[in-house]
C-alpha atoms as a PDB file:
ATOM      1  CA  MET A   1     111.290 100.193 117.509  1.00  0.00           C
ATOM      2  CA  THR A   2     108.844 100.610 114.662  1.00  0.00           C
ATOM      3  CA  THR A   3     111.728 101.251 112.283  1.00  0.00           C
ATOM      4  CA  LEU A   4     113.222  97.836 112.973  1.00  0.00           C
ATOM      5  CA  PHE A   5     110.151  95.754 113.772  1.00  0.00           C
ATOM      6  CA  ALA A   6     106.707  95.383 112.208  1.00  0.00           C
ATOM      7  CA  MET A   7     104.834  95.861 115.462  1.00  0.00           C
ATOM      8  CA  TYR A   8     101.441  94.186 115.936  1.00  0.00           C
ATOM      9  CA  ALA A   9     101.595  92.512 112.515  1.00  0.00           C
ATOM     10  CA  THR A  10     100.616  89.158 114.005  1.00  0.00           C
ATOM     11  CA  THR A  11      99.006  87.842 117.164  1.00  0.00           C
ATOM     12  CA  ASP A  12     100.723  85.468 119.555  1.00  0.00           C
ATOM     13  CA  ALA A  13     104.021  85.791 117.683  1.00  0.00           C
ATOM     14  CA  ASP A  14     107.175  87.866 117.684  1.00  0.00           C
ATOM     15  CA  ALA A  15     107.255  91.105 115.717  1.00  0.00           C
ATOM     16  CA  HIS A  16     108.693  90.638 112.237  1.00  0.00           C
ATOM     17  CA  LEU A  17     112.029  92.193 111.331  1.00  0.00           C
ATOM     18  CA  ARG A  18     111.647  95.011 108.829  1.00  0.00           C
ATOM     19  CA  ALA A  19     115.175  94.551 107.469  1.00  0.00           C
ATOM     20  CA  PRO A  20     115.326  93.106 103.979  1.00  0.00           C
ATOM     21  CA  ILE A  21     116.525  89.543 103.563  1.00  0.00           C
ATOM     22  CA  HIS A  22     118.465  90.666 100.513  1.00  0.00           C
ATOM     23  CA  SER A  23     120.471  93.913 100.605  1.00  0.00           C
ATOM     24  CA  GLN A  24     123.475  95.538  98.966  1.00  0.00           C
ATOM     25  CA  TRP A  25     125.688  93.236 101.056  1.00  0.00           C
ATOM     26  CA  GLY A  26     124.088  90.093  99.704  1.00  0.00           C
ATOM     27  CA  ASP A  27     121.354  87.633 100.493  1.00  0.00           C
ATOM     28  CA  ARG A  28     121.070  86.356 104.072  1.00  0.00           C
ATOM     29  CA  ARG A  29     119.761  83.055 102.726  1.00  0.00           C
ATOM     30  CA  HIS A  30     123.249  82.288 101.396  1.00  0.00           C
ATOM     31  CA  MET A  31     124.841  82.526 104.854  1.00  0.00           C
ATOM     32  CA  PRO A  32     125.901  79.220 106.433  1.00  0.00           C
ATOM     33  CA  TRP A  33     123.805  79.883 109.552  1.00  0.00           C
ATOM     34  CA  TRP A  34     120.583  80.602 107.634  1.00  0.00           C
ATOM     35  CA  GLN A  35     117.681  78.225 108.145  1.00  0.00           C
ATOM     36  CA  ASP A  36     114.596  78.243 105.922  1.00  0.00           C
ATOM     37  CA  SER A  37     112.368  78.792 108.967  1.00  0.00           C
ATOM     38  CA  MET A  38     114.014  82.215 109.442  1.00  0.00           C
ATOM     39  CA  THR A  39     112.201  83.590 106.387  1.00  0.00           C
ATOM     40  CA  GLY A  40     109.039  83.788 108.467  1.00  0.00           C
ATOM     41  CA  LEU A  41     110.773  86.161 110.921  1.00  0.00           C
ATOM     42  CA  PHE A  42     111.070  88.908 108.300  1.00  0.00           C
ATOM     43  CA  SER A  43     108.328  91.233 107.128  1.00  0.00           C
ATOM     44  CA  THR A  44     107.700  90.864 103.419  1.00  0.00           C
ATOM     45  CA  ASP A  45     105.567  93.953 102.875  1.00  0.00           C
ATOM     46  CA  THR A  46     107.001  96.616 105.203  1.00  0.00           C
ATOM     47  CA  THR A  47     110.771  96.544 104.800  1.00  0.00           C
ATOM     48  CA  VAL A  48     112.805  99.692 105.428  1.00  0.00           C
ATOM     49  CA  SER A  49     115.938 100.987 103.755  1.00  0.00           C
ATOM     50  CA  MET A  50     119.399 100.238 105.066  1.00  0.00           C
ATOM     51  CA  ASP A  51     119.827 103.996 105.628  1.00  0.00           C
ATOM     52  CA  ASP A  52     116.806 104.003 107.963  1.00  0.00           C
ATOM     53  CA  ILE A  53     118.164 100.973 109.814  1.00  0.00           C
ATOM     54  CA  GLN A  54     121.582 102.643 110.195  1.00  0.00           C
ATOM     55  CA  ALA A  55     119.953 105.857 111.482  1.00  0.00           C
ATOM     56  CA  ALA A  56     117.950 103.870 114.071  1.00  0.00           C
ATOM     57  CA  TYR A  57     121.089 101.998 115.158  1.00  0.00           C
ATOM     58  CA  ASP A  58     123.047 105.260 115.476  1.00  0.00           C
ATOM     59  CA  GLN A  59     120.284 106.812 117.577  1.00  0.00           C
ATOM     60  CA  LEU A  60     120.143 103.742 119.843  1.00  0.00           C
ATOM     61  CA  ALA A  61     123.937 103.736 120.263  1.00  0.00           C
ATOM     62  CA  GLN A  62     123.872 107.449 121.107  1.00  0.00           C
ATOM     63  CA  ARG A  63     121.258 106.825 123.806  1.00  0.00           C
ATOM     64  CA  PHE A  64     123.295 103.945 125.255  1.00  0.00           C
ATOM     65  CA  ARG A  65     126.383 106.165 125.382  1.00  0.00           C
ATOM     66  CA  ALA A  66     124.416 108.886 127.158  1.00  0.00           C
ATOM     67  CA  GLU A  67     123.013 106.402 129.704  1.00  0.00           C
ATOM     68  CA  LEU A  68     126.486 104.996 130.345  1.00  0.00           C
ATOM     69  CA  TYR A  69     128.063 108.487 130.492  1.00  0.00           C
ATOM     70  CA  VAL A  70     130.265 107.798 127.478  1.00  0.00           C
ATOM     71  CA  THR A  71     130.785 111.176 125.854  1.00  0.00           C
ATOM     72  CA  HIS A  72     131.884 109.926 122.442  1.00  0.00           C
ATOM     73  CA  GLN A  73     132.879 106.643 120.823  1.00  0.00           C
ATOM     74  CA  THR A  74     136.568 107.529 121.031  1.00  0.00           C
ATOM     75  CA  GLN A  75     136.564 109.176 124.474  1.00  0.00           C
ATOM     76  CA  PRO A  76     136.664 107.481 127.864  1.00  0.00           C
ATOM     77  CA  LEU A  77     133.892 107.573 130.394  1.00  0.00           C
ATOM     78  CA  LEU A  78     133.115 110.881 132.031  1.00  0.00           C
ATOM     79  CA  ALA A  79     134.878 111.499 135.309  1.00  0.00           C
ATOM     80  CA  THR A  80     132.056 111.749 137.837  1.00  0.00           C
ATOM     81  CA  GLN A  81     132.033 112.014 141.582  1.00  0.00           C
ATOM     82  CA  LEU A  82     130.672 108.818 143.083  1.00  0.00           C
ATOM     83  CA  GLN A  83     127.991 109.300 145.693  1.00  0.00           C
ATOM     84  CA  PRO A  84     128.596 107.496 149.008  1.00  0.00           C
ATOM     85  CA  HIS A  85     126.540 104.361 149.404  1.00  0.00           C
ATOM     86  CA  HIS A  86     124.425 104.196 152.548  1.00  0.00           C
ATOM     87  CA  PRO A  87     122.855 100.779 153.038  1.00  0.00           C
ATOM     88  CA  ARG A  88     119.205 100.968 154.027  1.00  0.00           C
ATOM     89  CA  ARG A  89     118.138  99.631 157.389  1.00  0.00           C
ATOM     90  CA  PRO A  90     115.388  97.013 157.395  1.00  0.00           C
ATOM     91  CA  ARG A  91     111.980  98.409 158.286  1.00  0.00           C
ATOM     92  CA  GLY A  92     111.199  98.370 161.972  1.00  0.00           C
ATOM     93  CA  ASP A  93     114.907  98.515 162.880  1.00  0.00           C
ATOM     94  CA  ALA A  94     115.180 101.410 165.324  1.00  0.00           C
ATOM     95  CA  SER A  95     118.892 101.027 165.972  1.00  0.00           C
END
């Protein structure tokens, strides 16, 4: 999280994005969806490199795949044995 967000940089506000507004792919401010108020959502003094952002994204995607039992981006889900579902009885139900 600290790679992508400037945590605790402000009080009573969202964490600022540590991604640069301008990168090798261009300037976000030139995108049709950009609004001037968005500038305040980005950290101006603690930006990280695009390589660091890509590494954080790759690590997050790897964790999601592990949680979802996806072995690899190009492979299907793992074949697992489903456990039988036994609904719980309400408390106090002796039947």
